[in-house]
Amino acid sequence: MSYAIIRDHNGRRHEVDFGAAPIRVEVHASDETVEIFVEADVETHPESRRRFAILSIPRHLFSEATGQAAQRAAQKRRS
């Protein structure tokens, strides 16, 4: 099950629950940012009614996080 949850500056929680729907994922990267786009209901709803989430983050933070994830995975394999 795929979902996205964010909490805004007022502390309100916003959730996109994709449930069991098939999803489409796109990743776009520039020198400065990485954007991850997740969309559900591609085959069953018009574009204006599809559930989606977009995450845009600085590329250096994305690189650091993926590097740390790779290190954790390598440590688990060694254990």
PDB file of N, CA and C in Angstrom:
ATOM      1  N   MET A   1       0.851  -1.179   0.000  1.00  0.00           N
ATOM      2  CA  MET A   1       0.000   0.000   0.000  1.00  0.00           C
ATOM      3  C   MET A   1       0.890   1.233   0.000  1.00  0.00           C
ATOM      4  N   SER A   2       0.632   2.138  -0.902  1.00  0.00           N
ATOM      5  CA  SER A   2       1.423   3.363  -1.017  1.00  0.00           C
ATOM      6  C   SER A   2       0.653   4.544  -0.437  1.00  0.00           C
ATOM      7  N   TYR A   3       1.382   5.441   0.219  1.00  0.00           N
ATOM      8  CA  TYR A   3       0.756   6.626   0.789  1.00  0.00           C
ATOM      9  C   TYR A   3       1.804   7.719   0.983  1.00  0.00           C
ATOM     10  N   ALA A   4       1.342   8.927   1.179  1.00  0.00           N
ATOM     11  CA  ALA A   4       2.197  10.060   1.502  1.00  0.00           C
ATOM     12  C   ALA A   4       1.539  10.823   2.645  1.00  0.00           C
ATOM     13  N   ILE A   5       2.354  11.252   3.607  1.00  0.00           N
ATOM     14  CA  ILE A   5       1.848  12.024   4.746  1.00  0.00           C
ATOM     15  C   ILE A   5       2.763  13.225   4.933  1.00  0.00           C
ATOM     16  N   ILE A   6       2.174  14.399   5.092  1.00  0.00           N
ATOM     17  CA  ILE A   6       2.956  15.593   5.414  1.00  0.00           C
ATOM     18  C   ILE A   6       2.293  16.298   6.589  1.00  0.00           C
ATOM     19  N   ARG A   7       3.072  17.099   7.275  1.00  0.00           N
ATOM     20  CA  ARG A   7       2.545  17.946   8.343  1.00  0.00           C
ATOM     21  C   ARG A   7       2.956  19.372   8.007  1.00  0.00           C
ATOM     22  N   ASP A   8       1.983  20.266   7.910  1.00  0.00           N
ATOM     23  CA  ASP A   8       2.299  21.638   7.523  1.00  0.00           C
ATOM     24  C   ASP A   8       2.760  22.467   8.720  1.00  0.00           C
ATOM     25  N   HIS A   9       3.056  23.725   8.492  1.00  0.00           N
ATOM     26  CA  HIS A   9       3.602  24.593   9.552  1.00  0.00           C
ATOM     27  C   HIS A   9       2.624  24.821  10.693  1.00  0.00           C
ATOM     28  N   ASN A  10       1.337  24.612  10.461  1.00  0.00           N
ATOM     29  CA  ASN A  10       0.341  24.751  11.529  1.00  0.00           C
ATOM     30  C   ASN A  10       0.147  23.459  12.313  1.00  0.00           C
ATOM     31  N   GLY A  11       0.876  22.414  11.928  1.00  0.00           N
ATOM     32  CA  GLY A  11       0.748  21.141  12.604  1.00  0.00           C
ATOM     33  C   GLY A  11      -0.349  20.251  12.044  1.00  0.00           C
ATOM     34  N   ARG A  12      -1.038  20.722  11.005  1.00  0.00           N
ATOM     35  CA  ARG A  12      -2.090  19.907  10.394  1.00  0.00           C
ATOM     36  C   ARG A  12      -1.472  18.809   9.546  1.00  0.00           C
ATOM     37  N   ARG A  13      -2.055  17.642   9.656  1.00  0.00           N
ATOM     38  CA  ARG A  13      -1.574  16.480   8.911  1.00  0.00           C
ATOM     39  C   ARG A  13      -2.406  16.325   7.638  1.00  0.00           C
ATOM     40  N   HIS A  14      -1.725  16.093   6.533  1.00  0.00           N
ATOM     41  CA  HIS A  14      -2.373  15.868   5.243  1.00  0.00           C
ATOM     42  C   HIS A  14      -1.898  14.525   4.718  1.00  0.00           C
ATOM     43  N   GLU A  15      -2.832  13.714   4.265  1.00  0.00           N
ATOM     44  CA  GLU A  15      -2.497  12.357   3.864  1.00  0.00           C
ATOM     45  C   GLU A  15      -3.065  12.063   2.483  1.00  0.00           C
ATOM     46  N   VAL A  16      -2.260  11.415   1.654  1.00  0.00           N
ATOM     47  CA  VAL A  16      -2.714  10.885   0.370  1.00  0.00           C
ATOM     48  C   VAL A  16      -2.545   9.379   0.461  1.00  0.00           C
ATOM     49  N   ASP A  17      -3.654   8.670   0.506  1.00  0.00           N
ATOM     50  CA  ASP A  17      -3.630   7.209   0.610  1.00  0.00           C
ATOM     51  C   ASP A  17      -3.980   6.638  -0.757  1.00  0.00           C
ATOM     52  N   PHE A  18      -3.036   5.966  -1.375  1.00  0.00           N
ATOM     53  CA  PHE A  18      -3.251   5.400  -2.695  1.00  0.00           C
ATOM     54  C   PHE A  18      -3.915   4.026  -2.622  1.00  0.00           C
ATOM     55  N   GLY A  19      -4.011   3.466  -1.430  1.00  0.00           N
ATOM     56  CA  GLY A  19      -4.651   2.171  -1.263  1.00  0.00           C
ATOM     57  C   GLY A  19      -3.994   1.116  -2.137  1.00  0.00           C
ATOM     58  N   ALA A  20      -4.803   0.274  -2.731  1.00  0.00           N
ATOM     59  CA  ALA A  20      -4.296  -0.803  -3.586  1.00  0.00           C
ATOM     60  C   ALA A  20      -4.245  -0.400  -5.058  1.00  0.00           C
ATOM     61  N   ALA A  21      -4.542   0.848  -5.344  1.00  0.00           N
ATOM     62  CA  ALA A  21      -4.550   1.307  -6.738  1.00  0.00           C
ATOM     63  C   ALA A  21      -3.158   1.210  -7.342  1.00  0.00           C
ATOM     64  N   PRO A  22      -3.080   0.844  -8.609  1.00  0.00           N
ATOM     65  CA  PRO A  22      -1.770   0.878  -9.264  1.00  0.00           C
ATOM     66  C   PRO A  22      -1.270   2.316  -9.305  1.00  0.00           C
ATOM     67  N   ILE A  23       0.017   2.503  -9.112  1.00  0.00           N
ATOM     68  CA  ILE A  23       0.570   3.856  -9.111  1.00  0.00           C
ATOM     69  C   ILE A  23       1.630   3.992 -10.195  1.00  0.00           C
ATOM     70  N   ARG A  24       1.875   5.236 -10.546  1.00  0.00           N
ATOM     71  CA  ARG A  24       2.941   5.587 -11.480  1.00  0.00           C
ATOM     72  C   ARG A  24       3.905   6.472 -10.714  1.00  0.00           C
ATOM     73  N   VAL A  25       5.199   6.188 -10.838  1.00  0.00           N
ATOM     74  CA  VAL A  25       6.225   6.957 -10.135  1.00  0.00           C
ATOM     75  C   VAL A  25       7.187   7.524 -11.155  1.00  0.00           C
ATOM     76  N   GLU A  26       7.477   8.809 -11.026  1.00  0.00           N
ATOM     77  CA  GLU A  26       8.474   9.462 -11.868  1.00  0.00           C
ATOM     78  C   GLU A  26       9.473  10.164 -10.966  1.00  0.00           C
ATOM     79  N   VAL A  27      10.740  10.098 -11.330  1.00  0.00           N
ATOM     80  CA  VAL A  27      11.790  10.812 -10.604  1.00  0.00           C
ATOM     81  C   VAL A  27      12.498  11.699 -11.607  1.00  0.00           C
ATOM     82  N   HIS A  28      12.551  12.986 -11.291  1.00  0.00           N
ATOM     83  CA  HIS A  28      13.237  13.968 -12.135  1.00  0.00           C
ATOM     84  C   HIS A  28      14.318  14.630 -11.294  1.00  0.00           C
ATOM     85  N   ALA A  29      15.490  14.798 -11.867  1.00  0.00           N
ATOM     86  CA  ALA A  29      16.589  15.408 -11.123  1.00  0.00           C
ATOM     87  C   ALA A  29      17.241  16.507 -11.952  1.00  0.00           C
ATOM     88  N   SER A  30      17.573  17.577 -11.275  1.00  0.00           N
ATOM     89  CA  SER A  30      18.380  18.641 -11.869  1.00  0.00           C
ATOM     90  C   SER A  30      19.637  18.765 -11.012  1.00  0.00           C
ATOM     91  N   ASP A  31      20.461  19.738 -11.303  1.00  0.00           N
ATOM     92  CA  ASP A  31      21.657  19.951 -10.487  1.00  0.00           C
ATOM     93  C   ASP A  31      21.302  20.360  -9.062  1.00  0.00           C
ATOM     94  N   GLU A  32      20.129  20.961  -8.882  1.00  0.00           N
ATOM     95  CA  GLU A  32      19.762  21.509  -7.574  1.00  0.00           C
ATOM     96  C   GLU A  32      18.721  20.708  -6.816  1.00  0.00           C
ATOM     97  N   THR A  33      17.789  20.067  -7.519  1.00  0.00           N
ATOM     98  CA  THR A  33      16.688  19.382  -6.835  1.00  0.00           C
ATOM     99  C   THR A  33      16.421  18.004  -7.422  1.00  0.00           C
ATOM    100  N   VAL A  34      15.773  17.186  -6.602  1.00  0.00           N
ATOM    101  CA  VAL A  34      15.226  15.909  -7.038  1.00  0.00           C
ATOM    102  C   VAL A  34      13.730  15.979  -6.765  1.00  0.00           C
ATOM    103  N   GLU A  35      12.930  15.638  -7.764  1.00  0.00           N
ATOM    104  CA  GLU A  35      11.482  15.658  -7.615  1.00  0.00           C
ATOM    105  C   GLU A  35      10.952  14.254  -7.823  1.00  0.00           C
ATOM    106  N   ILE A  36      10.163  13.790  -6.860  1.00  0.00           N
ATOM    107  CA  ILE A  36       9.541  12.472  -6.932  1.00  0.00           C
ATOM    108  C   ILE A  36       8.036  12.698  -7.051  1.00  0.00           C
ATOM    109  N   PHE A  37       7.460  12.160  -8.110  1.00  0.00           N
ATOM    110  CA  PHE A  37       6.047  12.332  -8.416  1.00  0.00           C
ATOM    111  C   PHE A  37       5.381  10.960  -8.380  1.00  0.00           C
ATOM    112  N   VAL A  38       4.345  10.818  -7.557  1.00  0.00           N
ATOM    113  CA  VAL A  38       3.603   9.568  -7.440  1.00  0.00           C
ATOM    114  C   VAL A  38       2.147   9.873  -7.764  1.00  0.00           C
ATOM    115  N   GLU A  39       1.569   9.079  -8.663  1.00  0.00           N
ATOM    116  CA  GLU A  39       0.193   9.322  -9.094  1.00  0.00           C
ATOM    117  C   GLU A  39      -0.557   8.003  -9.173  1.00  0.00           C
ATOM    118  N   ALA A  40      -1.793   7.989  -8.688  1.00  0.00           N
ATOM    119  CA  ALA A  40      -2.648   6.802  -8.753  1.00  0.00           C
ATOM    120  C   ALA A  40      -3.830   7.077  -9.675  1.00  0.00           C
ATOM    121  N   ASP A  41      -4.571   6.043  -9.968  1.00  0.00           N
ATOM    122  CA  ASP A  41      -5.805   6.148 -10.751  1.00  0.00           C
ATOM    123  C   ASP A  41      -5.565   6.601 -12.187  1.00  0.00           C
ATOM    124  N   VAL A  42      -4.389   6.331 -12.706  1.00  0.00           N
ATOM    125  CA  VAL A  42      -4.036   6.788 -14.050  1.00  0.00           C
ATOM    126  C   VAL A  42      -4.990   6.225 -15.098  1.00  0.00           C
ATOM    127  N   GLU A  43      -5.361   4.970 -14.950  1.00  0.00           N
ATOM    128  CA  GLU A  43      -6.188   4.321 -15.960  1.00  0.00           C
ATOM    129  C   GLU A  43      -7.682   4.531 -15.741  1.00  0.00           C
ATOM    130  N   THR A  44      -8.082   4.966 -14.558  1.00  0.00           N
ATOM    131  CA  THR A  44      -9.513   5.001 -14.245  1.00  0.00           C
ATOM    132  C   THR A  44     -10.089   6.400 -14.016  1.00  0.00           C
ATOM    133  N   HIS A  45      -9.254   7.423 -13.859  1.00  0.00           N
ATOM    134  CA  HIS A  45      -9.764   8.765 -13.582  1.00  0.00           C
ATOM    135  C   HIS A  45      -9.149   9.778 -14.541  1.00  0.00           C
ATOM    136  N   PRO A  46      -9.879  10.849 -14.828  1.00  0.00           N
ATOM    137  CA  PRO A  46      -9.266  11.925 -15.610  1.00  0.00           C
ATOM    138  C   PRO A  46      -8.163  12.591 -14.791  1.00  0.00           C
ATOM    139  N   GLU A  47      -7.260  13.251 -15.454  1.00  0.00           N
ATOM    140  CA  GLU A  47      -6.093  13.835 -14.783  1.00  0.00           C
ATOM    141  C   GLU A  47      -6.476  14.725 -13.606  1.00  0.00           C
ATOM    142  N   SER A  48      -7.528  15.482 -13.714  1.00  0.00           N
ATOM    143  CA  SER A  48      -7.924  16.417 -12.647  1.00  0.00           C
ATOM    144  C   SER A  48      -8.452  15.707 -11.402  1.00  0.00           C
ATOM    145  N   ARG A  49      -8.752  14.418 -11.484  1.00  0.00           N
ATOM    146  CA  ARG A  49      -9.315  13.683 -10.346  1.00  0.00           C
ATOM    147  C   ARG A  49      -8.351  12.658  -9.755  1.00  0.00           C
ATOM    148  N   ARG A  50      -7.163  12.543 -10.286  1.00  0.00           N
ATOM    149  CA  ARG A  50      -6.211  11.534  -9.819  1.00  0.00           C
ATOM    150  C   ARG A  50      -5.575  11.954  -8.498  1.00  0.00           C
ATOM    151  N   ARG A  51      -5.342  10.978  -7.638  1.00  0.00           N
ATOM    152  CA  ARG A  51      -4.622  11.240  -6.395  1.00  0.00           C
ATOM    153  C   ARG A  51      -3.127  11.294  -6.719  1.00  0.00           C
ATOM    154  N   PHE A  52      -2.419  12.262  -6.125  1.00  0.00           N
ATOM    155  CA  PHE A  52      -0.993  12.367  -6.393  1.00  0.00           C
ATOM    156  C   PHE A  52      -0.271  13.011  -5.229  1.00  0.00           C
ATOM    157  N   ALA A  53       1.034  12.833  -5.228  1.00  0.00           N
ATOM    158  CA  ALA A  53       1.918  13.500  -4.269  1.00  0.00           C
ATOM    159  C   ALA A  53       3.196  13.855  -5.008  1.00  0.00           C
ATOM    160  N   ILE A  54       3.720  15.034  -4.721  1.00  0.00           N
ATOM    161  CA  ILE A  54       4.980  15.478  -5.309  1.00  0.00           C
ATOM    162  C   ILE A  54       5.902  15.878  -4.163  1.00  0.00           C
ATOM    163  N   LEU A  55       7.112  15.361  -4.207  1.00  0.00           N
ATOM    164  CA  LEU A  55       8.125  15.704  -3.219  1.00  0.00           C
ATOM    165  C   LEU A  55       9.306  16.307  -3.963  1.00  0.00           C
ATOM    166  N   SER A  56       9.655  17.528  -3.637  1.00  0.00           N
ATOM    167  CA  SER A  56      10.784  18.205  -4.258  1.00  0.00           C
ATOM    168  C   SER A  56      11.772  18.569  -3.159  1.00  0.00           C
ATOM    169  N   ILE A  57      12.992  18.021  -3.256  1.00  0.00           N
ATOM    170  CA  ILE A  57      13.977  18.231  -2.200  1.00  0.00           C
ATOM    171  C   ILE A  57      15.321  18.620  -2.799  1.00  0.00           C
ATOM    172  N   PRO A  58      16.149  19.317  -2.023  1.00  0.00           N
ATOM    173  CA  PRO A  58      17.492  19.653  -2.511  1.00  0.00           C
ATOM    174  C   PRO A  58      18.274  18.383  -2.839  1.00  0.00           C
ATOM    175  N   ARG A  59      18.969  18.415  -3.954  1.00  0.00           N
ATOM    176  CA  ARG A  59      19.682  17.232  -4.425  1.00  0.00           C
ATOM    177  C   ARG A  59      20.727  16.737  -3.418  1.00  0.00           C
ATOM    178  N   HIS A  60      21.431  17.661  -2.760  1.00  0.00           N
ATOM    179  CA  HIS A  60      22.461  17.213  -1.824  1.00  0.00           C
ATOM    180  C   HIS A  60      21.858  16.447  -0.648  1.00  0.00           C
ATOM    181  N   LEU A  61      20.669  16.810  -0.201  1.00  0.00           N
ATOM    182  CA  LEU A  61      20.022  16.067   0.884  1.00  0.00           C
ATOM    183  C   LEU A  61      19.556  14.693   0.408  1.00  0.00           C
ATOM    184  N   PHE A  62      19.055  14.634  -0.819  1.00  0.00           N
ATOM    185  CA  PHE A  62      18.655  13.352  -1.392  1.00  0.00           C
ATOM    186  C   PHE A  62      19.862  12.428  -1.515  1.00  0.00           C
ATOM    187  N   SER A  63      20.969  12.963  -1.983  1.00  0.00           N
ATOM    188  CA  SER A  63      22.190  12.165  -2.140  1.00  0.00           C
ATOM    189  C   SER A  63      22.691  11.653  -0.794  1.00  0.00           C
ATOM    190  N   GLU A  64      22.685  12.512   0.219  1.00  0.00           N
ATOM    191  CA  GLU A  64      23.108  12.086   1.552  1.00  0.00           C
ATOM    192  C   GLU A  64      22.220  10.965   2.080  1.00  0.00           C
ATOM    193  N   ALA A  65      20.917  11.118   1.918  1.00  0.00           N
ATOM    194  CA  ALA A  65      19.978  10.121   2.440  1.00  0.00           C
ATOM    195  C   ALA A  65      20.122   8.788   1.713  1.00  0.00           C
ATOM    196  N   THR A  66      20.288   8.802   0.402  1.00  0.00           N
ATOM    197  CA  THR A  66      20.444   7.535  -0.319  1.00  0.00           C
ATOM    198  C   THR A  66      21.784   6.885  -0.001  1.00  0.00           C
ATOM    199  N   GLY A  67      22.817   7.693   0.212  1.00  0.00           N
ATOM    200  CA  GLY A  67      24.110   7.143   0.627  1.00  0.00           C
ATOM    201  C   GLY A  67      24.029   6.460   1.976  1.00  0.00           C
ATOM    202  N   GLN A  68      23.335   7.081   2.925  1.00  0.00           N
ATOM    203  CA  GLN A  68      23.171   6.486   4.249  1.00  0.00           C
ATOM    204  C   GLN A  68      22.346   5.206   4.174  1.00  0.00           C
ATOM    205  N   ALA A  69      21.327   5.186   3.319  1.00  0.00           N
ATOM    206  CA  ALA A  69      20.513   3.980   3.162  1.00  0.00           C
ATOM    207  C   ALA A  69      21.347   2.841   2.582  1.00  0.00           C
ATOM    208  N   ALA A  70      22.213   3.161   1.634  1.00  0.00           N
ATOM    209  CA  ALA A  70      23.083   2.135   1.046  1.00  0.00           C
ATOM    210  C   ALA A  70      24.052   1.588   2.087  1.00  0.00           C
ATOM    211  N   GLN A  71      24.584   2.447   2.951  1.00  0.00           N
ATOM    212  CA  GLN A  71      25.491   1.986   4.011  1.00  0.00           C
ATOM    213  C   GLN A  71      24.765   1.069   4.993  1.00  0.00           C
ATOM    214  N   ARG A  72      23.545   1.423   5.368  1.00  0.00           N
ATOM    215  CA  ARG A  72      22.770   0.576   6.282  1.00  0.00           C
ATOM    216  C   ARG A  72      22.494  -0.787   5.654  1.00  0.00           C
ATOM    217  N   ALA A  73      22.149  -0.788   4.369  1.00  0.00           N
ATOM    218  CA  ALA A  73      21.873  -2.055   3.676  1.00  0.00           C
ATOM    219  C   ALA A  73      23.130  -2.921   3.611  1.00  0.00           C
ATOM    220  N   ALA A  74      24.277  -2.310   3.366  1.00  0.00           N
ATOM    221  CA  ALA A  74      25.535  -3.062   3.310  1.00  0.00           C
ATOM    222  C   ALA A  74      25.874  -3.641   4.677  1.00  0.00           C
ATOM    223  N   GLN A  75      25.632  -2.890   5.740  1.00  0.00           N
ATOM    224  CA  GLN A  75      25.902  -3.382   7.094  1.00  0.00           C
ATOM    225  C   GLN A  75      24.998  -4.549   7.442  1.00  0.00           C
ATOM    226  N   LYS A  76      23.736  -4.504   7.014  1.00  0.00           N
ATOM    227  CA  LYS A  76      22.812  -5.604   7.281  1.00  0.00           C
ATOM    228  C   LYS A  76      23.284  -6.871   6.562  1.00  0.00           C
ATOM    229  N   ARG A  77      23.786  -6.737   5.353  1.00  0.00           N
ATOM    230  CA  ARG A  77      24.244  -7.908   4.601  1.00  0.00           C
ATOM    231  C   ARG A  77      25.462  -8.538   5.254  1.00  0.00           C
ATOM    232  N   ARG A  78      26.310  -7.710   5.861  1.00  0.00           N
ATOM    233  CA  ARG A  78      27.505  -8.226   6.543  1.00  0.00           C
ATOM    234  C   ARG A  78      27.171  -8.947   7.835  1.00  0.00           C
ATOM    235  N   SER A  79      26.055  -8.558   8.452  1.00  0.00           N
ATOM    236  CA  SER A  79      25.671  -9.136   9.766  1.00  0.00           C
ATOM    237  C   SER A  79      25.116 -10.529   9.631  1.00  0.00           C
TER     238      SER A  79
END
